[in-house]
Every structure is written in structure tokens, then in C-alpha cells.
Amino acid sequence: MHDWDLTPKEAIALQNRLRDRVRLRPLKRKIRTIAGADVSFNRFSDRIYAGIVVLSLPDLEVIESTAIRSRTRFPYIPGLLSFRELPALLEAWATLKTIPDALILDGQGLAHPRRFGIACHAGIWLKIPTIGCAKSILVGKHTELPPEAGSQTPLVDRNEQIGIVLRTKKSVAPVYVSPGHLIDMPGAVNLVQQSLTRYRLPETTRQAHLLVNRLRESGQ
């Protein structure tokens, strides 16, 4: 779809062009398999460990997992995460035998200054429903969230709702959910909630996180 060898200025211009391809709409079919993607880095290194785990819904059993070692040439710049992480994740994706019905990424979707987070970028590349489920805010503000698990409130930027702040465990910091591509806001929150167990993060993200950290710590 495009080359990854870009300067930060070129990457921003590309985001501004590609965001017109994002389609937010209700899901067209029932989601029976859902994947999580995550990456891990060694500190001060360009070595990247990227992994994807595919789980069944609603029982959240692992169907397949894959992880690869690669190198990233793009620096860490807030708002440009996809250019640092997505090339390696696409390498891992290419090794999957089971193509999931939807994908949750550890990052933003619409909740992005240019409305084009890593979940949007991955979605238009892979042509499947994608969701951003982030641990922190990149942009936007929200009202105070009640302490009960399941509480949610809109995440708003420039008078536009860009996501949902969702508390997944009682009195624990919330997550920030936003649609990436081929799914709408209610559908994104619903799939994240279906992917929760007893942890703060959805099982998709948790399993992918464990996978890439095992690979990194193995020293291979």
C-alpha cells in the first residue's frame, strides 16, 4: 500500500492522506475469532519482538500464536506508533494460518490527533475490523469515571467523540477504546468487553504481551 522508509514529516502527511480510507460502521457478521497484537523492545535497541495471538470467542481459548524478531528503523514519536511497530506486526501476521475475524491492538484507533492511530492503519492494510485499546490517553478529555467495573464515559477531542474510557476492573485505571476500521464505537467497546477476564487488559492483549516478552527474554 505504501513504503515504510519515511521521515516523520512524510509519515504525518501519509496519515493525513490515508485517514479518508477509514470506514467506521457496525459489524457485518458475528465475530468468532479475535486476535491481539503486541510488541516488545530491548531498551536502547532497534530490535523488536512482534507477536499475534488468535483466540476463540466467547471462550477465549488460544487457537494460534506467532512471534517474530525484527528491527525497526523508525524512532519512537507519539502519534506515529504504527510506523515503528506495524511493519514487524505485519511480518508476524504473514505467518498466521488462522486469519481472525477482528484484531485488537495495544494502541489508539480514532483516538489520535489525526484520527489515524495504529488500529486504523492496521485495519486498512489488513482489511478486517480493528480496535485500539490503549493503556493511556494520546489525545482527548473525559469526565470522572465511577470506580465500578464496566463504567464508561466518552473520550472527546475538539467536540468530537473519539473513543470510550472503560473501567475493566473495580478501582483500577481504565483503558481507552476506539474503533480502528470496519467497526463502530459500540462494536469496539463490546468486543473489548467480550475479551476481558479478571485482568485490566483484554485477554487478547495480555496473551500477546506475554508471548513477545517470553521471546525477548529468551535471548534468541
C-alpha atoms as a PDB file:
ATOM      1  CA  MET A   1       0.000   0.000   0.000  1.00  0.00           C
ATOM      2  CA  HIS A   2       2.947   2.301   0.712  1.00  0.00           C
ATOM      3  CA  ASP A   3       6.640   2.263   1.605  1.00  0.00           C
ATOM      4  CA  TRP A   4       7.710   2.311   5.263  1.00  0.00           C
ATOM      5  CA  ASP A   5      11.004   4.156   4.718  1.00  0.00           C
ATOM      6  CA  LEU A   6       9.677   7.608   5.633  1.00  0.00           C
ATOM      7  CA  THR A   7      10.740  10.638   7.616  1.00  0.00           C
ATOM      8  CA  PRO A   8       8.448  11.736  10.466  1.00  0.00           C
ATOM      9  CA  LYS A   9       7.192  14.613   8.318  1.00  0.00           C
ATOM     10  CA  GLU A  10       6.385  12.220   5.477  1.00  0.00           C
ATOM     11  CA  ALA A  11       4.677   9.842   7.919  1.00  0.00           C
ATOM     12  CA  ILE A  12       2.365  12.604   9.172  1.00  0.00           C
ATOM     13  CA  ALA A  13       1.482  13.572   5.592  1.00  0.00           C
ATOM     14  CA  LEU A  14       0.710   9.923   4.835  1.00  0.00           C
ATOM     15  CA  GLN A  15      -1.585   9.661   7.866  1.00  0.00           C
ATOM     16  CA  ASN A  16      -3.485  12.722   6.673  1.00  0.00           C
ATOM     17  CA  ARG A  17      -3.992  11.090   3.271  1.00  0.00           C
ATOM     18  CA  LEU A  18      -4.867   7.594   4.471  1.00  0.00           C
ATOM     19  CA  ARG A  19      -7.417   8.613   7.101  1.00  0.00           C
ATOM     20  CA  ASP A  20     -10.005   9.140   4.360  1.00  0.00           C
ATOM     21  CA  ARG A  21      -9.913   5.367   3.771  1.00  0.00           C
ATOM     22  CA  VAL A  22     -11.036   4.556   7.307  1.00  0.00           C
ATOM     23  CA  ARG A  23     -14.599   3.237   7.481  1.00  0.00           C
ATOM     24  CA  LEU A  24     -16.371   3.140  10.843  1.00  0.00           C
ATOM     25  CA  ARG A  25     -19.552   1.071  10.671  1.00  0.00           C
ATOM     26  CA  PRO A  26     -21.432  -1.656  12.548  1.00  0.00           C
ATOM     27  CA  LEU A  27     -20.011  -5.154  12.232  1.00  0.00           C
ATOM     28  CA  LYS A  28     -21.434  -7.092   9.296  1.00  0.00           C
ATOM     29  CA  ARG A  29     -21.042 -10.556  10.839  1.00  0.00           C
ATOM     30  CA  LYS A  30     -20.614 -12.346  14.138  1.00  0.00           C
ATOM     31  CA  ILE A  31     -17.056 -12.371  15.459  1.00  0.00           C
ATOM     32  CA  ARG A  32     -15.947 -15.919  16.309  1.00  0.00           C
ATOM     33  CA  THR A  33     -12.173 -15.402  16.445  1.00  0.00           C
ATOM     34  CA  ILE A  34     -10.327 -12.360  17.727  1.00  0.00           C
ATOM     35  CA  ALA A  35      -6.614 -11.610  17.799  1.00  0.00           C
ATOM     36  CA  GLY A  36      -4.362  -9.470  19.931  1.00  0.00           C
ATOM     37  CA  ALA A  37      -1.109  -7.882  18.797  1.00  0.00           C
ATOM     38  CA  ASP A  38       1.774  -6.512  20.821  1.00  0.00           C
ATOM     39  CA  VAL A  39       5.476  -5.716  20.545  1.00  0.00           C
ATOM     40  CA  SER A  40       8.398  -5.670  22.959  1.00  0.00           C
ATOM     41  CA  PHE A  41      11.758  -3.896  22.799  1.00  0.00           C
ATOM     42  CA  ASN A  42      15.119  -4.182  24.466  1.00  0.00           C
ATOM     43  CA  ARG A  43      15.964  -0.804  25.949  1.00  0.00           C
ATOM     44  CA  PHE A  44      18.099   1.401  23.663  1.00  0.00           C
ATOM     45  CA  SER A  45      17.928  -1.237  20.908  1.00  0.00           C
ATOM     46  CA  ASP A  46      16.311  -1.297  17.471  1.00  0.00           C
ATOM     47  CA  ARG A  47      15.482  -4.991  17.923  1.00  0.00           C
ATOM     48  CA  ILE A  48      11.719  -5.531  18.035  1.00  0.00           C
ATOM     49  CA  TYR A  49       9.751  -8.614  19.042  1.00  0.00           C
ATOM     50  CA  ALA A  50       6.278  -8.704  17.498  1.00  0.00           C
ATOM     51  CA  GLY A  51       3.555 -11.204  18.265  1.00  0.00           C
ATOM     52  CA  ILE A  52      -0.053 -12.032  17.446  1.00  0.00           C
ATOM     53  CA  VAL A  53      -2.323 -14.400  19.363  1.00  0.00           C
ATOM     54  CA  VAL A  54      -5.649 -15.628  17.951  1.00  0.00           C
ATOM     55  CA  LEU A  55      -8.388 -16.581  20.433  1.00  0.00           C
ATOM     56  CA  SER A  56     -11.861 -18.007  20.064  1.00  0.00           C
ATOM     57  CA  LEU A  57     -14.982 -16.166  21.152  1.00  0.00           C
ATOM     58  CA  PRO A  58     -16.698 -16.402  23.543  1.00  0.00           C
ATOM     59  CA  ASP A  59     -14.472 -18.861  25.436  1.00  0.00           C
ATOM     60  CA  LEU A  60     -11.167 -17.020  24.804  1.00  0.00           C
ATOM     61  CA  GLU A  61      -9.153 -20.168  24.160  1.00  0.00           C
ATOM     62  CA  VAL A  62      -5.867 -19.658  22.282  1.00  0.00           C
ATOM     63  CA  ILE A  63      -6.143 -21.063  18.750  1.00  0.00           C
ATOM     64  CA  GLU A  64      -2.795 -19.949  17.359  1.00  0.00           C
ATOM     65  CA  SER A  65       0.110 -17.703  18.249  1.00  0.00           C
ATOM     66  CA  THR A  66       3.078 -16.426  16.301  1.00  0.00           C
ATOM     67  CA  ALA A  67       6.010 -14.157  17.119  1.00  0.00           C
ATOM     68  CA  ILE A  68       8.975 -12.854  15.155  1.00  0.00           C
ATOM     69  CA  ARG A  69      12.191 -10.943  15.769  1.00  0.00           C
ATOM     70  CA  SER A  70      12.902  -7.973  13.535  1.00  0.00           C
ATOM     71  CA  ARG A  71      14.403  -4.498  13.570  1.00  0.00           C
ATOM     72  CA  THR A  72      12.726  -1.129  13.449  1.00  0.00           C
ATOM     73  CA  ARG A  73      14.191   1.878  11.702  1.00  0.00           C
ATOM     74  CA  PHE A  74      11.626   4.418  12.891  1.00  0.00           C
ATOM     75  CA  PRO A  75      12.116   6.340  16.176  1.00  0.00           C
ATOM     76  CA  TYR A  76       9.572   6.475  18.979  1.00  0.00           C
ATOM     77  CA  ILE A  77       7.389   9.521  18.295  1.00  0.00           C
ATOM     78  CA  PRO A  78       3.956   9.911  19.919  1.00  0.00           C
ATOM     79  CA  GLY A  79       1.294   9.797  17.208  1.00  0.00           C
ATOM     80  CA  LEU A  80       3.489   7.825  14.798  1.00  0.00           C
ATOM     81  CA  LEU A  81       3.486   4.464  16.585  1.00  0.00           C
ATOM     82  CA  SER A  82       2.359   2.481  13.538  1.00  0.00           C
ATOM     83  CA  PHE A  83       5.500   3.382  11.591  1.00  0.00           C
ATOM     84  CA  ARG A  84       7.656   1.956  14.392  1.00  0.00           C
ATOM     85  CA  GLU A  85       5.631  -1.182  15.196  1.00  0.00           C
ATOM     86  CA  LEU A  86       3.345  -2.123  12.311  1.00  0.00           C
ATOM     87  CA  PRO A  87       5.978  -3.397   9.820  1.00  0.00           C
ATOM     88  CA  ALA A  88       7.075  -6.071  12.335  1.00  0.00           C
ATOM     89  CA  LEU A  89       3.469  -6.912  13.227  1.00  0.00           C
ATOM     90  CA  LEU A  90       2.709  -7.395   9.534  1.00  0.00           C
ATOM     91  CA  GLU A  91       5.674  -9.786   9.336  1.00  0.00           C
ATOM     92  CA  ALA A  92       4.141 -11.794  12.174  1.00  0.00           C
ATOM     93  CA  TRP A  93       0.695 -11.619  10.575  1.00  0.00           C
ATOM     94  CA  ALA A  94       2.055 -13.137   7.352  1.00  0.00           C
ATOM     95  CA  THR A  95       2.974 -16.314   9.244  1.00  0.00           C
ATOM     96  CA  LEU A  96      -0.537 -16.903  10.656  1.00  0.00           C
ATOM     97  CA  LYS A  97      -2.518 -19.901   9.432  1.00  0.00           C
ATOM     98  CA  THR A  98      -5.716 -18.682  11.150  1.00  0.00           C
ATOM     99  CA  ILE A  99      -6.922 -15.296   9.938  1.00  0.00           C
ATOM    100  CA  PRO A 100      -9.027 -13.798  12.760  1.00  0.00           C
ATOM    101  CA  ASP A 101     -12.346 -12.054  12.321  1.00  0.00           C
ATOM    102  CA  ALA A 102     -11.112  -8.976  14.231  1.00  0.00           C
ATOM    103  CA  LEU A 103      -7.926  -7.590  15.778  1.00  0.00           C
ATOM    104  CA  ILE A 104      -7.310  -5.600  18.987  1.00  0.00           C
ATOM    105  CA  LEU A 105      -4.104  -3.545  19.080  1.00  0.00           C
ATOM    106  CA  ASP A 106      -2.299  -2.100  22.086  1.00  0.00           C
ATOM    107  CA  GLY A 107      -2.636   1.499  20.922  1.00  0.00           C
ATOM    108  CA  GLN A 108      -5.085   4.003  19.509  1.00  0.00           C
ATOM    109  CA  GLY A 109      -7.593   3.897  16.684  1.00  0.00           C
ATOM    110  CA  LEU A 110      -9.682   7.019  16.119  1.00  0.00           C
ATOM    111  CA  ALA A 111      -8.424   8.488  19.422  1.00  0.00           C
ATOM    112  CA  HIS A 112      -5.460  10.105  17.690  1.00  0.00           C
ATOM    113  CA  PRO A 113      -4.589  13.737  16.817  1.00  0.00           C
ATOM    114  CA  ARG A 114      -5.071  12.994  13.099  1.00  0.00           C
ATOM    115  CA  ARG A 115      -7.742  10.317  13.700  1.00  0.00           C
ATOM    116  CA  PHE A 116      -5.377   7.677  12.352  1.00  0.00           C
ATOM    117  CA  GLY A 117      -3.833   5.565  15.106  1.00  0.00           C
ATOM    118  CA  ILE A 118      -2.155   2.195  14.679  1.00  0.00           C
ATOM    119  CA  ALA A 119      -5.515   0.375  14.735  1.00  0.00           C
ATOM    120  CA  CYS A 120      -6.752   2.457  11.782  1.00  0.00           C
ATOM    121  CA  HIS A 121      -3.508   1.872   9.889  1.00  0.00           C
ATOM    122  CA  ALA A 122      -3.582  -1.877  10.522  1.00  0.00           C
ATOM    123  CA  GLY A 123      -7.246  -2.076   9.575  1.00  0.00           C
ATOM    124  CA  ILE A 124      -6.954  -0.541   6.143  1.00  0.00           C
ATOM    125  CA  TRP A 125      -3.850  -2.657   5.473  1.00  0.00           C
ATOM    126  CA  LEU A 126      -5.382  -5.959   6.613  1.00  0.00           C
ATOM    127  CA  LYS A 127      -8.989  -5.173   5.599  1.00  0.00           C
ATOM    128  CA  ILE A 128     -10.517  -6.561   8.802  1.00  0.00           C
ATOM    129  CA  PRO A 129     -12.250  -4.904  11.789  1.00  0.00           C
ATOM    130  CA  THR A 130      -9.650  -3.420  14.125  1.00  0.00           C
ATOM    131  CA  ILE A 131      -9.833  -1.813  17.559  1.00  0.00           C
ATOM    132  CA  GLY A 132      -7.437   0.301  19.552  1.00  0.00           C
ATOM    133  CA  CYS A 133      -7.320  -0.482  23.276  1.00  0.00           C
ATOM    134  CA  ALA A 134      -4.687   1.714  24.909  1.00  0.00           C
ATOM    135  CA  LYS A 135      -3.403   1.963  28.468  1.00  0.00           C
ATOM    136  CA  SER A 136      -3.087   5.764  28.342  1.00  0.00           C
ATOM    137  CA  ILE A 137      -4.561   8.801  26.581  1.00  0.00           C
ATOM    138  CA  LEU A 138      -2.860  10.212  23.497  1.00  0.00           C
ATOM    139  CA  VAL A 139      -5.391  12.983  22.942  1.00  0.00           C
ATOM    140  CA  GLY A 140      -8.778  13.947  24.365  1.00  0.00           C
ATOM    141  CA  LYS A 141     -10.501  14.592  27.686  1.00  0.00           C
ATOM    142  CA  HIS A 142     -13.241  12.870  29.660  1.00  0.00           C
ATOM    143  CA  THR A 143     -15.383  13.259  32.743  1.00  0.00           C
ATOM    144  CA  GLU A 144     -14.676  11.473  36.018  1.00  0.00           C
ATOM    145  CA  LEU A 145     -15.312   7.755  35.777  1.00  0.00           C
ATOM    146  CA  PRO A 146     -17.154   5.843  38.559  1.00  0.00           C
ATOM    147  CA  PRO A 147     -14.993   3.202  40.301  1.00  0.00           C
ATOM    148  CA  GLU A 148     -17.186   0.217  39.345  1.00  0.00           C
ATOM    149  CA  ALA A 149     -16.038  -2.263  36.706  1.00  0.00           C
ATOM    150  CA  GLY A 150     -17.916  -1.700  33.460  1.00  0.00           C
ATOM    151  CA  SER A 151     -18.179   2.074  33.947  1.00  0.00           C
ATOM    152  CA  GLN A 152     -17.603   4.060  30.782  1.00  0.00           C
ATOM    153  CA  THR A 153     -17.583   7.647  29.592  1.00  0.00           C
ATOM    154  CA  PRO A 154     -16.913   9.336  26.221  1.00  0.00           C
ATOM    155  CA  LEU A 155     -13.410  10.428  25.288  1.00  0.00           C
ATOM    156  CA  VAL A 156     -13.764  13.762  23.482  1.00  0.00           C
ATOM    157  CA  ASP A 157     -11.399  15.943  21.453  1.00  0.00           C
ATOM    158  CA  ARG A 158     -12.395  19.208  19.765  1.00  0.00           C
ATOM    159  CA  ASN A 159     -16.079  18.499  20.402  1.00  0.00           C
ATOM    160  CA  GLU A 160     -15.836  15.096  18.688  1.00  0.00           C
ATOM    161  CA  GLN A 161     -16.206  11.768  20.442  1.00  0.00           C
ATOM    162  CA  ILE A 162     -13.093   9.787  19.544  1.00  0.00           C
ATOM    163  CA  GLY A 163     -13.324   6.880  21.967  1.00  0.00           C
ATOM    164  CA  ILE A 164     -14.674   5.385  25.169  1.00  0.00           C
ATOM    165  CA  VAL A 165     -12.950   5.347  28.550  1.00  0.00           C
ATOM    166  CA  LEU A 166     -13.715   1.916  30.028  1.00  0.00           C
ATOM    167  CA  ARG A 167     -13.014   0.711  33.544  1.00  0.00           C
ATOM    168  CA  THR A 168     -12.383  -3.007  33.273  1.00  0.00           C
ATOM    169  CA  LYS A 169     -11.744  -3.706  36.978  1.00  0.00           C
ATOM    170  CA  LYS A 170     -13.113  -2.009  40.076  1.00  0.00           C
ATOM    171  CA  SER A 171     -10.986   0.943  41.244  1.00  0.00           C
ATOM    172  CA  VAL A 172      -8.295   0.116  38.633  1.00  0.00           C
ATOM    173  CA  ALA A 173      -7.095   2.550  35.961  1.00  0.00           C
ATOM    174  CA  PRO A 174      -9.308   2.410  32.850  1.00  0.00           C
ATOM    175  CA  VAL A 175      -8.418   1.583  29.267  1.00  0.00           C
ATOM    176  CA  TYR A 176      -9.083   3.797  26.251  1.00  0.00           C
ATOM    177  CA  VAL A 177     -11.040   2.108  23.480  1.00  0.00           C
ATOM    178  CA  SER A 178     -11.513   3.484  19.975  1.00  0.00           C
ATOM    179  CA  PRO A 179     -12.524   1.935  16.649  1.00  0.00           C
ATOM    180  CA  GLY A 180      -9.848   1.475  14.023  1.00  0.00           C
ATOM    181  CA  HIS A 181     -11.551   0.291  10.820  1.00  0.00           C
ATOM    182  CA  LEU A 182     -14.705  -1.600   9.749  1.00  0.00           C
ATOM    183  CA  ILE A 183     -16.290  -1.334  13.210  1.00  0.00           C
ATOM    184  CA  ASP A 184     -18.127   1.412  15.093  1.00  0.00           C
ATOM    185  CA  MET A 185     -17.723   2.739  18.642  1.00  0.00           C
ATOM    186  CA  PRO A 186     -20.323   0.458  20.332  1.00  0.00           C
ATOM    187  CA  GLY A 187     -18.947  -2.572  18.484  1.00  0.00           C
ATOM    188  CA  ALA A 188     -15.384  -1.774  19.553  1.00  0.00           C
ATOM    189  CA  VAL A 189     -16.341  -1.493  23.226  1.00  0.00           C
ATOM    190  CA  ASN A 190     -18.461  -4.642  23.036  1.00  0.00           C
ATOM    191  CA  LEU A 191     -15.588  -6.726  21.614  1.00  0.00           C
ATOM    192  CA  VAL A 192     -13.163  -5.422  24.235  1.00  0.00           C
ATOM    193  CA  GLN A 193     -15.659  -6.329  26.957  1.00  0.00           C
ATOM    194  CA  GLN A 194     -16.121  -9.808  25.469  1.00  0.00           C
ATOM    195  CA  SER A 195     -12.341 -10.229  25.612  1.00  0.00           C
ATOM    196  CA  LEU A 196     -11.998  -9.408  29.306  1.00  0.00           C
ATOM    197  CA  THR A 197     -11.251 -11.926  32.042  1.00  0.00           C
ATOM    198  CA  ARG A 198     -10.066 -10.954  35.537  1.00  0.00           C
ATOM    199  CA  TYR A 199      -7.327  -8.622  34.329  1.00  0.00           C
ATOM    200  CA  ARG A 200      -7.288  -4.946  33.421  1.00  0.00           C
ATOM    201  CA  LEU A 201      -6.356  -5.595  29.794  1.00  0.00           C
ATOM    202  CA  PRO A 202      -8.329  -7.745  27.352  1.00  0.00           C
ATOM    203  CA  GLU A 203      -7.085 -11.318  27.110  1.00  0.00           C
ATOM    204  CA  THR A 204      -6.044 -10.673  23.522  1.00  0.00           C
ATOM    205  CA  THR A 205      -3.544  -8.009  24.548  1.00  0.00           C
ATOM    206  CA  ARG A 206      -2.454  -9.876  27.672  1.00  0.00           C
ATOM    207  CA  GLN A 207      -1.649 -13.067  25.778  1.00  0.00           C
ATOM    208  CA  ALA A 208       0.220 -11.182  23.031  1.00  0.00           C
ATOM    209  CA  HIS A 209       2.177  -9.261  25.677  1.00  0.00           C
ATOM    210  CA  LEU A 210       3.217 -12.481  27.437  1.00  0.00           C
ATOM    211  CA  LEU A 211       4.201 -14.039  24.107  1.00  0.00           C
ATOM    212  CA  VAL A 212       6.538 -11.264  22.947  1.00  0.00           C
ATOM    213  CA  ASN A 213       8.118 -10.871  26.367  1.00  0.00           C
ATOM    214  CA  ARG A 214       8.875 -14.604  26.508  1.00  0.00           C
ATOM    215  CA  LEU A 215      10.571 -14.343  23.130  1.00  0.00           C
ATOM    216  CA  ARG A 216      12.557 -11.255  24.137  1.00  0.00           C
ATOM    217  CA  GLU A 217      13.650 -12.747  27.473  1.00  0.00           C
ATOM    218  CA  SER A 218      14.742 -15.984  25.801  1.00  0.00           C
ATOM    219  CA  GLY A 219      17.606 -14.038  24.226  1.00  0.00           C
ATOM    220  CA  GLN A 220      17.018 -15.666  20.842  1.00  0.00           C
END
